[in-house]
Amino acid sequence: MNTTSRALSVIAAGAAALLALTGCSSAVSGGEGEAAERDTLRIGLSGGVNTLDPHNTASVGSDLSVIGSIYSALVHRTPDGEMVPDAAESWEQVDALTWTFELDPDVTFSNGDPLTADDVVWNFERVQDPDLALRLQSFFTNVEEVTAEGDTTVSIRTAQPDADLLQSLSFFYLLDPDWAQENDPSGAAMGSGPYTLTDYTPKGALTLEAREDYWADAAQIATIEYADLGSSEAEVNALQTGEIDLVSGLSPKDMARFEGDQSVVLEALESSRAAFVKLNTRLDPVSDVRVRQALNYAVDKQAIIEAILRGTVEPSRGQILTENFTGFDPDLEPYPYDPERARELLAEAGYADGLEIALEYPTDQYVEAEAIVQAVAAQLAEVGVTVDISSAPFDVWLSKYVQEGDMAQSIYITQSWQTTSGFLGLFEQSSPYAYWDDDEYTRLLTDARFAATPEEQSAAYSETLAYFREQAPVLFLFPQPAIYGMDAALEWTPSPDGWILPYDMSFTE
């Protein structure tokens, strides 16, 4: 056992006792509340909402969770993955390439405008406009034609069969064209969803009010207040004192602080969000696949899990997909901890005397990010890799990574998506998230995305994932634990994909 592993093992000694706390949710779930008179839900954010534009963000736990409360999509995905009606009351796959959607004739935007088939067409035109370069653009490149057939019928034709279309449409939220052309959707919002935006400070506080004229069942909680508390520590403190009612992204080490607290429920579930060190393959030295593979062999993921995440997750199985995803390949093996093999690969790549790489991470965004980054750096140092660590607030870090296209040699990040192809598509050449220009990967993923049968798709995904593992554009780590803390009077079923939608919540009486 090396020095770093010994140190991590000492830290991990108390993990077993803390793991027992993952069952504490049932122990406190019967807590009483004043809920019959409560009409305000306070949600804590450790990082502010970066944009309200539904077509220009992929941040589920912050931006899209707020956007999904204000806007409607054609369909809605439940926490268990079922597709149910939203603005479309029904749909039909006419043939392998064509879908039709019948809009609910009662759907209206909060300003009274009806949501029409022409509006849906305009939204697709907007997201596909190359001049706008919106972040959801790459997820709808297979949509070839969208037409309105009357006021309430929409026809969507794809270039190739697309098994993920419904899933993709569940996060394609619809703007009112007239409103959007007179307002800036990034800093204001007006949709056809169950809530309206009443107050918004960019990257700060935000308030939603339930619509009295909502065309479907009204939300059960009248007012939603979001507070940017600045740090995960502040979130935990606010939850303990009752200043907020719900917080996500708790660290496993925080769970002990709520032991015996009957006013708070903790929910720990298997997340669909993968944590990894993303590598900028456009930059040396990580442009060399041997270096990328060496980094994977050099890190003892299990030791980090035990020491920092208290054994709540398992190492990633040589893929960024978690078991929640269609296409997950259980036969892929994790990179084993093998520092000698790491040194051999580094020597083959010309770095027998060591190398240096930069690693950036966002502050107060991901569970135990600083501790994880430090542990990874310590283990890489043992094979001769010096890691220059730096951090920045999430909005600054995200802007540099996505908007400015200026990613460091590596970053610590957690990512997920609604669909398998969408998640893996974050590494396609066309994606601003990729930093990996690999023609073969793009070809393999395209074949998987448009496979004719589920069996062919499963085989194609396995081939794609095996290639991804071999080329190692990331240092595979583990799923991020999903731990929610909430007022015991709040009724809600958390989702493993990180969506937090108040429309699904209520207070017990």
Protein backbone atom coordinates (compact mmCIF):
# COMPACT_ATOMS: atom_id res chain seq x y z
CA MET A 1 0.00 0.00 0.00
CA ASN A 2 1.48 3.40 -0.97
CA THR A 3 1.65 6.52 1.20
CA THR A 4 -1.45 8.16 -0.22
CA SER A 5 -3.53 5.00 0.06
CA ARG A 6 -2.46 4.53 3.68
CA ALA A 7 -3.50 8.11 4.46
CA LEU A 8 -6.84 7.65 2.74
CA SER A 9 -7.44 4.41 4.60
CA VAL A 10 -6.98 6.18 7.91
CA ILE A 11 -9.54 8.79 6.90
CA ALA A 12 -11.91 6.04 5.81
CA ALA A 13 -11.84 4.25 9.15
CA GLY A 14 -15.08 5.85 10.31
CA ALA A 15 -16.93 5.26 7.07
CA ALA A 16 -18.88 2.19 8.13
CA ALA A 17 -20.63 4.01 10.94
CA LEU A 18 -21.64 6.84 8.66
CA LEU A 19 -22.98 4.47 6.02
CA ALA A 20 -25.67 3.35 8.44
CA LEU A 21 -27.06 6.85 8.21
CA THR A 22 -28.20 6.32 4.64
CA GLY A 23 -31.21 4.64 6.19
CA CYS A 24 -32.03 7.58 8.42
CA SER A 25 -34.66 8.82 5.98
CA SER A 26 -37.17 6.23 7.15
CA ALA A 27 -36.38 7.05 10.77
CA VAL A 28 -37.48 10.63 10.40
CA SER A 29 -40.06 10.42 7.65
CA GLY A 30 -42.91 10.55 10.12
CA GLY A 31 -41.93 13.98 11.42
CA GLU A 32 -44.80 16.40 11.98
CA GLY A 33 -45.02 19.77 10.25
CA GLU A 34 -47.08 22.91 10.15
CA ALA A 35 -47.58 22.06 6.52
CA ALA A 36 -51.32 22.56 6.25
CA GLU A 37 -50.69 26.28 6.56
CA ARG A 38 -47.44 26.34 4.61
CA ASP A 39 -47.56 27.72 1.10
CA THR A 40 -43.89 28.64 0.60
CA LEU A 41 -41.07 26.26 -0.23
CA ARG A 42 -37.51 27.51 0.21
CA ILE A 43 -34.84 25.77 -1.88
CA GLY A 44 -31.15 26.33 -1.28
CA LEU A 45 -28.72 26.69 -4.16
CA SER A 46 -24.96 26.54 -3.71
CA GLY A 47 -24.55 28.20 -7.10
CA GLY A 48 -26.89 30.67 -8.77
CA VAL A 49 -28.95 30.17 -11.91
CA ASN A 50 -26.75 31.12 -14.87
CA THR A 51 -29.44 31.59 -17.52
CA LEU A 52 -33.20 31.33 -17.91
CA ASP A 53 -32.99 30.61 -21.64
CA PRO A 54 -34.44 27.08 -22.01
CA HIS A 55 -32.45 26.45 -25.19
CA ASN A 56 -29.08 27.56 -23.90
CA THR A 57 -28.31 25.45 -20.84
CA ALA A 58 -27.67 21.85 -19.88
CA SER A 59 -27.40 22.44 -16.11
CA VAL A 60 -30.13 20.21 -14.68
CA GLY A 61 -29.94 20.86 -10.93
CA SER A 62 -30.03 24.64 -11.25
CA ASP A 63 -31.00 26.29 -14.56
CA LEU A 64 -33.22 23.58 -16.03
CA SER A 65 -34.98 22.75 -12.77
CA VAL A 66 -36.13 26.37 -12.55
CA ILE A 67 -36.86 26.59 -16.27
CA GLY A 68 -38.86 23.35 -16.09
CA SER A 69 -41.16 24.97 -13.54
CA ILE A 70 -41.89 27.98 -15.76
CA TYR A 71 -42.09 26.39 -19.20
CA SER A 72 -43.79 23.39 -20.78
CA ALA A 73 -42.27 20.78 -23.07
CA LEU A 74 -44.26 18.56 -25.41
CA VAL A 75 -43.77 15.61 -23.06
CA HIS A 76 -42.62 15.13 -19.48
CA ARG A 77 -40.31 12.45 -18.07
CA THR A 78 -41.26 11.15 -14.62
CA PRO A 79 -38.59 10.23 -12.02
CA ASP A 80 -38.95 6.57 -12.98
CA GLY A 81 -38.38 7.35 -16.67
CA GLU A 82 -41.98 7.13 -17.94
CA MET A 83 -42.95 9.57 -20.70
CA VAL A 84 -46.25 11.33 -19.95
CA PRO A 85 -48.15 14.21 -21.58
CA ASP A 86 -47.22 17.84 -21.02
CA ALA A 87 -48.16 20.40 -23.68
CA ALA A 88 -48.91 17.50 -26.03
CA GLU A 89 -51.87 15.45 -24.88
CA SER A 90 -51.01 12.58 -27.23
CA TRP A 91 -48.47 11.48 -29.82
CA GLU A 92 -47.94 8.79 -32.42
CA GLN A 93 -44.98 7.42 -34.33
CA VAL A 94 -46.33 7.33 -37.87
CA ASP A 95 -43.30 5.60 -39.38
CA ALA A 96 -39.62 5.09 -38.62
CA LEU A 97 -38.88 8.78 -39.23
CA THR A 98 -42.10 10.62 -38.46
CA TRP A 99 -43.90 11.55 -35.24
CA THR A 100 -47.07 13.57 -34.78
CA PHE A 101 -48.02 15.40 -31.59
CA GLU A 102 -51.47 16.67 -30.67
CA LEU A 103 -51.26 19.74 -28.46
CA ASP A 104 -53.66 20.15 -25.55
CA PRO A 105 -56.00 22.91 -26.86
CA ASP A 106 -56.15 24.43 -23.36
CA VAL A 107 -52.41 25.17 -23.13
CA THR A 108 -51.72 28.88 -22.67
CA PHE A 109 -48.73 30.97 -21.79
CA SER A 110 -49.02 32.97 -18.59
CA ASN A 111 -49.78 36.12 -20.63
CA GLY A 112 -52.87 34.41 -22.07
CA ASP A 113 -51.44 33.52 -25.49
CA PRO A 114 -52.31 30.00 -26.68
CA LEU A 115 -49.47 27.59 -27.41
CA THR A 116 -49.90 26.64 -31.08
CA ALA A 117 -48.27 24.26 -33.51
CA ASP A 118 -46.67 27.27 -35.24
CA ASP A 119 -45.04 28.18 -31.92
CA VAL A 120 -43.49 24.73 -31.68
CA VAL A 121 -42.13 25.05 -35.23
CA TRP A 122 -40.59 28.44 -34.34
CA ASN A 123 -38.89 26.95 -31.27
CA PHE A 124 -37.21 24.31 -33.41
CA GLU A 125 -36.12 26.94 -35.91
CA ARG A 126 -34.62 28.95 -33.08
CA VAL A 127 -32.65 26.11 -31.52
CA GLN A 128 -31.36 24.98 -34.92
CA ASP A 129 -30.27 28.49 -36.00
CA PRO A 130 -26.49 28.18 -36.47
CA ASP A 131 -26.01 31.91 -35.86
CA LEU A 132 -27.41 31.62 -32.34
CA ALA A 133 -25.17 28.67 -31.41
CA LEU A 134 -27.50 27.60 -28.60
CA ARG A 135 -26.35 24.76 -26.37
CA LEU A 136 -29.25 22.43 -27.20
CA GLN A 137 -28.55 22.72 -30.92
CA SER A 138 -26.40 19.60 -31.08
CA PHE A 139 -29.16 17.47 -29.51
CA PHE A 140 -31.56 18.12 -32.39
CA THR A 141 -29.33 17.85 -35.45
CA ASN A 142 -31.27 14.74 -36.52
CA VAL A 143 -34.55 16.68 -36.68
CA GLU A 144 -34.94 17.34 -40.39
CA GLU A 145 -38.36 19.00 -40.62
CA VAL A 146 -41.02 20.27 -38.23
CA THR A 147 -44.37 21.33 -39.64
CA ALA A 148 -47.66 22.63 -38.27
CA GLU A 149 -50.73 20.80 -39.48
CA GLY A 150 -53.42 23.11 -38.19
CA ASP A 151 -53.33 24.91 -34.84
CA THR A 152 -52.72 21.91 -32.61
CA THR A 153 -50.96 19.23 -34.67
CA VAL A 154 -47.18 19.11 -35.02
CA SER A 155 -45.30 16.74 -37.30
CA ILE A 156 -41.61 16.03 -36.59
CA ARG A 157 -39.55 14.23 -39.21
CA THR A 158 -36.03 13.00 -38.43
CA ALA A 159 -33.25 12.28 -40.91
CA GLN A 160 -32.70 8.84 -39.39
CA PRO A 161 -34.61 6.69 -36.88
CA ASP A 162 -34.20 8.20 -33.42
CA ALA A 163 -35.12 6.09 -30.41
CA ASP A 164 -34.22 8.97 -28.08
CA LEU A 165 -36.50 11.59 -29.62
CA LEU A 166 -39.18 11.52 -26.90
CA GLN A 167 -36.55 11.69 -24.17
CA SER A 168 -34.91 14.65 -25.88
CA LEU A 169 -38.23 16.45 -26.23
CA SER A 170 -38.82 16.19 -22.49
CA PHE A 171 -36.22 18.90 -21.86
CA PHE A 172 -37.04 20.97 -24.97
CA TYR A 173 -39.00 23.78 -23.33
CA LEU A 174 -41.14 26.05 -25.46
CA LEU A 175 -40.93 29.83 -25.67
CA ASP A 176 -43.70 32.20 -26.80
CA PRO A 177 -42.24 33.55 -30.09
CA ASP A 178 -43.79 37.01 -29.78
CA TRP A 179 -42.57 37.41 -26.21
CA ALA A 180 -39.10 36.02 -26.97
CA GLN A 181 -38.56 38.43 -29.83
CA GLU A 182 -39.26 41.40 -27.55
CA ASN A 183 -37.46 40.14 -24.42
CA ASP A 184 -34.16 38.53 -23.51
CA PRO A 185 -34.94 34.94 -22.45
CA SER A 186 -31.61 34.66 -20.64
CA GLY A 187 -32.65 37.14 -17.96
CA ALA A 188 -36.45 37.00 -18.04
CA ALA A 189 -39.02 34.21 -18.37
CA MET A 190 -42.62 33.77 -19.49
CA GLY A 191 -43.85 30.28 -20.24
CA SER A 192 -46.81 27.93 -20.25
CA GLY A 193 -45.70 25.97 -17.18
CA PRO A 194 -47.23 25.81 -13.68
CA TYR A 195 -45.23 28.73 -12.23
CA THR A 196 -44.44 32.32 -13.18
CA LEU A 197 -41.24 34.19 -12.43
CA THR A 198 -41.89 37.11 -10.08
CA ASP A 199 -38.39 38.02 -8.93
CA TYR A 200 -34.93 37.26 -10.29
CA THR A 201 -31.46 38.42 -9.43
CA PRO A 202 -28.94 36.93 -11.89
CA LYS A 203 -26.93 34.27 -10.07
CA GLY A 204 -28.81 35.18 -6.89
CA ALA A 205 -32.27 34.94 -5.37
CA LEU A 206 -35.28 33.89 -7.42
CA THR A 207 -39.02 33.60 -6.69
CA LEU A 208 -41.76 31.68 -8.49
CA GLU A 209 -45.52 31.93 -7.95
CA ALA A 210 -48.01 29.23 -8.90
CA ARG A 211 -50.30 30.20 -11.77
CA GLU A 212 -53.94 30.51 -10.79
CA ASP A 213 -54.90 30.13 -14.46
CA TYR A 214 -52.69 27.10 -15.14
CA TRP A 215 -54.33 24.95 -17.80
CA ALA A 216 -53.59 21.64 -15.99
CA ASP A 217 -53.74 20.72 -12.30
CA ALA A 218 -52.50 23.65 -10.23
CA ALA A 219 -49.25 23.34 -8.27
CA GLN A 220 -49.80 22.48 -4.61
CA ILE A 221 -47.19 24.88 -3.24
CA ALA A 222 -47.97 28.53 -4.01
CA THR A 223 -44.57 30.18 -3.67
CA ILE A 224 -41.09 28.86 -4.42
CA GLU A 225 -38.12 30.84 -3.13
CA TYR A 226 -34.61 29.98 -4.28
CA ALA A 227 -31.68 31.28 -2.26
CA ASP A 228 -28.08 31.25 -3.44
CA LEU A 229 -26.33 30.47 -0.18
CA GLY A 230 -22.83 30.60 -1.61
CA SER A 231 -21.49 27.32 -0.27
CA SER A 232 -22.48 23.79 0.64
CA GLU A 233 -21.62 24.51 4.27
CA ALA A 234 -24.08 27.39 4.29
CA GLU A 235 -26.74 25.09 2.81
CA VAL A 236 -26.30 22.54 5.56
CA ASN A 237 -26.45 25.22 8.25
CA ALA A 238 -29.59 26.73 6.73
CA LEU A 239 -31.27 23.31 6.57
CA GLN A 240 -30.43 22.65 10.22
CA THR A 241 -31.83 25.99 11.36
CA GLY A 242 -34.98 25.70 9.21
CA GLU A 243 -34.09 28.68 6.99
CA ILE A 244 -34.53 26.47 3.92
CA ASP A 245 -36.70 23.42 3.29
CA LEU A 246 -34.78 21.55 0.61
CA VAL A 247 -31.18 21.19 -0.47
CA SER A 248 -29.49 18.79 -2.88
CA GLY A 249 -25.89 17.75 -3.26
CA LEU A 250 -25.20 17.03 0.39
CA SER A 251 -21.88 15.38 1.14
CA PRO A 252 -21.86 11.96 2.80
CA LYS A 253 -19.92 13.46 5.68
CA ASP A 254 -22.79 15.90 6.35
CA MET A 255 -25.24 13.10 7.06
CA ALA A 256 -23.94 12.58 10.58
CA ARG A 257 -24.95 16.15 11.47
CA PHE A 258 -28.63 15.24 11.07
CA GLU A 259 -28.58 12.04 13.11
CA GLY A 260 -31.57 12.11 15.44
CA ASP A 261 -33.00 15.29 13.89
CA GLN A 262 -36.70 14.48 13.41
CA SER A 263 -37.35 17.68 11.48
CA VAL A 264 -35.18 16.71 8.51
CA VAL A 265 -35.42 13.79 6.08
CA LEU A 266 -32.31 12.61 4.23
CA GLU A 267 -32.70 10.76 0.94
CA ALA A 268 -29.62 9.05 -0.52
CA LEU A 269 -29.99 7.47 -3.96
CA GLU A 270 -27.96 6.16 -6.81
CA SER A 271 -27.22 9.09 -9.07
CA SER A 272 -27.11 9.03 -12.86
CA ARG A 273 -24.46 11.77 -12.70
CA ALA A 274 -20.90 10.61 -13.34
CA ALA A 275 -17.90 12.32 -11.75
CA PHE A 276 -14.63 12.31 -13.70
CA VAL A 277 -11.60 14.34 -14.65
CA LYS A 278 -12.23 15.51 -18.21
CA LEU A 279 -9.10 15.71 -20.35
CA ASN A 280 -8.52 18.29 -23.07
CA THR A 281 -7.19 16.00 -25.78
CA ARG A 282 -6.34 19.02 -27.93
CA LEU A 283 -3.52 19.95 -25.57
CA ASP A 284 -0.25 18.20 -24.75
CA PRO A 285 0.55 16.06 -22.86
CA VAL A 286 -2.98 14.62 -22.58
CA SER A 287 -3.29 14.57 -26.38
CA ASP A 288 -1.36 11.26 -26.10
CA VAL A 289 -3.66 8.32 -25.38
CA ARG A 290 -0.87 6.62 -23.41
CA VAL A 291 -0.80 9.54 -21.00
CA ARG A 292 -4.57 9.44 -20.64
CA GLN A 293 -4.52 5.72 -19.92
CA ALA A 294 -1.66 6.19 -17.45
CA LEU A 295 -3.70 8.73 -15.48
CA ASN A 296 -6.49 6.16 -15.19
CA TYR A 297 -4.14 3.46 -13.90
CA ALA A 298 -2.53 5.86 -11.41
CA VAL A 299 -5.62 6.69 -9.33
CA ASP A 300 -7.04 4.41 -6.64
CA LYS A 301 -10.73 5.23 -7.01
CA GLN A 302 -11.87 2.86 -4.27
CA ALA A 303 -9.57 4.48 -1.71
CA ILE A 304 -11.00 7.90 -2.55
CA ILE A 305 -14.55 6.57 -2.34
CA GLU A 306 -13.97 5.09 1.10
CA ALA A 307 -12.13 8.08 2.50
CA ILE A 308 -14.12 10.97 1.08
CA LEU A 309 -17.49 9.60 -0.06
CA ARG A 310 -17.83 7.17 2.86
CA GLY A 311 -18.32 4.16 0.59
CA THR A 312 -21.61 5.43 -0.82
CA VAL A 313 -20.77 4.65 -4.48
CA GLU A 314 -18.74 2.20 -6.56
CA PRO A 315 -15.99 3.01 -9.10
CA SER A 316 -17.18 3.69 -12.64
CA ARG A 317 -17.09 0.58 -14.78
CA GLY A 318 -14.83 1.92 -17.52
CA GLN A 319 -17.61 4.20 -18.80
CA ILE A 320 -19.30 7.45 -17.91
CA LEU A 321 -22.73 5.80 -18.09
CA THR A 322 -24.24 4.69 -14.82
CA GLU A 323 -26.65 1.78 -14.45
CA ASN A 324 -29.62 4.18 -14.88
CA PHE A 325 -28.86 4.52 -18.60
CA THR A 326 -30.02 2.43 -21.52
CA GLY A 327 -26.87 1.07 -23.15
CA PHE A 328 -24.90 0.72 -19.91
CA ASP A 329 -22.45 -2.16 -20.43
CA PRO A 330 -21.99 -4.24 -17.23
CA ASP A 331 -19.20 -6.22 -18.88
CA LEU A 332 -16.81 -3.27 -19.15
CA GLU A 333 -14.19 -3.30 -16.41
CA PRO A 334 -12.90 -0.31 -14.44
CA TYR A 335 -9.28 0.69 -14.98
CA PRO A 336 -7.50 -1.17 -12.16
CA TYR A 337 -5.26 0.68 -9.75
CA ASP A 338 -1.83 -0.12 -11.19
CA PRO A 339 0.78 2.61 -10.64
CA GLU A 340 3.52 0.49 -12.21
CA ARG A 341 1.55 0.24 -15.45
CA ALA A 342 0.99 4.00 -15.26
CA ARG A 343 4.74 4.63 -15.03
CA GLU A 344 5.37 2.27 -17.98
CA LEU A 345 2.89 4.12 -20.18
CA LEU A 346 4.28 7.51 -19.21
CA ALA A 347 7.78 6.30 -20.11
CA GLU A 348 6.53 5.01 -23.48
CA ALA A 349 5.01 8.41 -24.15
CA GLY A 350 8.34 10.11 -23.38
CA TYR A 351 7.62 11.26 -19.84
CA ALA A 352 9.79 8.91 -17.79
CA ASP A 353 10.99 11.93 -15.81
CA GLY A 354 7.47 13.13 -15.13
CA LEU A 355 5.12 15.76 -16.48
CA GLU A 356 2.88 18.60 -15.32
CA ILE A 357 -0.79 19.24 -16.04
CA ALA A 358 -3.30 21.88 -14.95
CA LEU A 359 -6.55 20.83 -13.29
CA GLU A 360 -9.39 23.29 -12.74
CA TYR A 361 -12.60 22.78 -10.77
CA PRO A 362 -15.62 24.92 -9.79
CA THR A 363 -16.08 25.90 -6.18
CA ASP A 364 -19.23 24.91 -4.25
CA GLN A 365 -20.83 23.02 -7.11
CA TYR A 366 -19.93 19.35 -6.87
CA VAL A 367 -19.94 17.08 -3.83
CA GLU A 368 -16.53 17.18 -2.09
CA ALA A 369 -14.87 18.50 -5.25
CA GLU A 370 -11.89 20.06 -3.49
CA ALA A 371 -11.12 16.95 -1.43
CA ILE A 372 -11.49 14.68 -4.47
CA VAL A 373 -9.24 16.86 -6.62
CA GLN A 374 -6.58 16.97 -3.92
CA ALA A 375 -6.69 13.17 -3.52
CA VAL A 376 -6.41 12.62 -7.28
CA ALA A 377 -3.47 15.03 -7.45
CA ALA A 378 -1.70 13.28 -4.56
CA GLN A 379 -2.00 9.90 -6.24
CA LEU A 380 -0.88 11.22 -9.63
CA ALA A 381 2.17 12.73 -7.94
CA GLU A 382 3.27 9.24 -6.93
CA VAL A 383 3.75 8.30 -10.60
CA GLY A 384 5.51 11.54 -11.49
CA VAL A 385 2.56 13.68 -12.59
CA THR A 386 2.56 17.13 -10.98
CA VAL A 387 -0.93 18.63 -10.89
CA ASP A 388 -1.37 22.41 -10.82
CA ILE A 389 -4.79 22.87 -9.18
CA SER A 390 -6.91 26.00 -9.51
CA SER A 391 -10.56 26.82 -8.86
CA ALA A 392 -13.15 29.45 -9.75
CA PRO A 393 -16.81 30.18 -9.04
CA PHE A 394 -19.04 27.91 -11.10
CA ASP A 395 -20.31 30.62 -13.47
CA VAL A 396 -16.77 31.82 -14.23
CA TRP A 397 -15.51 28.25 -14.62
CA LEU A 398 -18.44 27.28 -16.87
CA SER A 399 -18.05 30.33 -19.09
CA LYS A 400 -14.37 29.56 -19.63
CA TYR A 401 -15.09 25.89 -20.31
CA VAL A 402 -18.08 26.24 -22.66
CA GLN A 403 -18.57 29.77 -23.93
CA GLU A 404 -14.92 30.79 -24.29
CA GLY A 405 -13.72 27.35 -25.41
CA ASP A 406 -10.73 27.71 -23.12
CA MET A 407 -10.62 24.49 -21.10
CA ALA A 408 -7.43 23.69 -19.19
CA GLN A 409 -5.57 20.43 -19.74
CA SER A 410 -8.05 18.87 -17.32
CA ILE A 411 -11.11 19.77 -15.26
CA TYR A 412 -13.05 18.03 -12.52
CA ILE A 413 -16.70 17.81 -13.53
CA THR A 414 -19.86 15.80 -12.98
CA GLN A 415 -22.21 15.35 -15.92
CA SER A 416 -25.40 13.58 -16.91
CA TRP A 417 -28.21 13.90 -19.42
CA GLN A 418 -31.72 12.67 -20.07
CA THR A 419 -30.69 10.27 -22.82
CA THR A 420 -27.80 7.93 -23.51
CA SER A 421 -27.02 9.46 -26.88
CA GLY A 422 -27.28 12.94 -25.39
CA PHE A 423 -24.85 12.12 -22.60
CA LEU A 424 -22.35 10.43 -24.89
CA GLY A 425 -22.97 13.26 -27.36
CA LEU A 426 -21.24 15.64 -24.97
CA PHE A 427 -18.02 14.14 -26.36
CA GLU A 428 -18.88 14.45 -30.06
CA GLN A 429 -16.81 16.82 -32.15
CA SER A 430 -19.77 19.13 -32.70
CA SER A 431 -20.39 19.61 -28.97
CA PRO A 432 -18.89 22.65 -27.20
CA TYR A 433 -18.36 20.33 -24.23
CA ALA A 434 -16.20 17.81 -26.13
CA TYR A 435 -12.55 18.89 -26.44
CA TRP A 436 -12.08 15.58 -28.24
CA ASP A 437 -11.88 15.57 -32.05
CA ASP A 438 -12.27 11.89 -32.76
CA ASP A 439 -13.88 10.84 -36.05
CA GLU A 440 -14.16 7.18 -35.07
CA TYR A 441 -16.00 7.95 -31.84
CA THR A 442 -18.45 10.19 -33.68
CA ARG A 443 -19.04 7.44 -36.25
CA LEU A 444 -19.63 4.79 -33.60
CA LEU A 445 -22.01 6.97 -31.62
CA THR A 446 -23.93 7.91 -34.77
CA ASP A 447 -24.37 4.22 -35.58
CA ALA A 448 -25.62 3.56 -32.05
CA ARG A 449 -27.97 6.52 -32.01
CA PHE A 450 -29.67 5.55 -35.26
CA ALA A 451 -29.65 1.75 -34.96
CA ALA A 452 -32.72 0.12 -36.46
CA THR A 453 -33.58 -2.22 -33.56
CA PRO A 454 -33.02 -2.18 -29.77
CA GLU A 455 -30.73 -5.21 -30.12
CA GLU A 456 -28.59 -3.49 -32.75
CA GLN A 457 -28.50 -0.35 -30.65
CA SER A 458 -27.34 -2.21 -27.55
CA ALA A 459 -24.51 -3.85 -29.48
CA ALA A 460 -23.54 -0.52 -31.05
CA TYR A 461 -23.48 1.23 -27.67
CA SER A 462 -21.23 -1.51 -26.28
CA GLU A 463 -18.79 -0.96 -29.15
CA THR A 464 -18.92 2.80 -28.61
CA LEU A 465 -18.29 2.50 -24.88
CA ALA A 466 -15.39 0.08 -25.38
CA TYR A 467 -13.74 2.56 -27.74
CA PHE A 468 -14.39 5.38 -25.27
CA ARG A 469 -12.71 3.36 -22.50
CA GLU A 470 -9.68 2.59 -24.64
CA GLN A 471 -9.20 6.19 -25.79
CA ALA A 472 -9.85 7.52 -22.26
CA PRO A 473 -10.81 11.16 -22.90
CA VAL A 474 -11.56 11.22 -19.16
CA LEU A 475 -10.04 9.90 -15.97
CA PHE A 476 -12.93 7.68 -14.90
CA LEU A 477 -13.88 8.06 -11.23
CA PHE A 478 -17.36 7.22 -9.87
CA PRO A 479 -21.01 8.29 -9.86
CA GLN A 480 -21.66 11.36 -7.76
CA PRO A 481 -23.75 10.43 -4.70
CA ALA A 482 -27.20 12.06 -4.74
CA ILE A 483 -28.08 13.04 -1.19
CA TYR A 484 -31.05 15.32 -0.54
CA GLY A 485 -31.98 16.97 2.74
CA MET A 486 -35.54 18.19 3.17
CA ASP A 487 -38.06 19.29 5.73
CA ALA A 488 -39.83 16.25 7.11
CA ALA A 489 -43.18 17.73 6.11
CA LEU A 490 -42.23 17.89 2.43
CA GLU A 491 -43.67 15.15 0.21
CA TRP A 492 -41.43 14.48 -2.78
CA THR A 493 -39.75 11.61 -4.59
CA PRO A 494 -36.22 12.67 -5.62
CA SER A 495 -34.99 11.74 -9.07
CA PRO A 496 -31.61 10.09 -9.70
CA ASP A 497 -31.00 12.45 -12.62
CA GLY A 498 -30.97 15.56 -10.42
CA TRP A 499 -34.16 17.33 -11.52
CA ILE A 500 -35.82 19.34 -8.74
CA LEU A 501 -39.32 20.31 -9.90
CA PRO A 502 -41.57 21.91 -7.23
CA TYR A 503 -44.66 21.03 -9.25
CA ASP A 504 -44.13 17.45 -8.04
CA MET A 505 -44.03 18.52 -4.37
CA SER A 506 -46.46 19.17 -1.56
CA PHE A 507 -46.46 19.63 2.21
CA THR A 508 -48.12 17.04 4.39
CA GLU A 509 -51.10 18.15 6.40
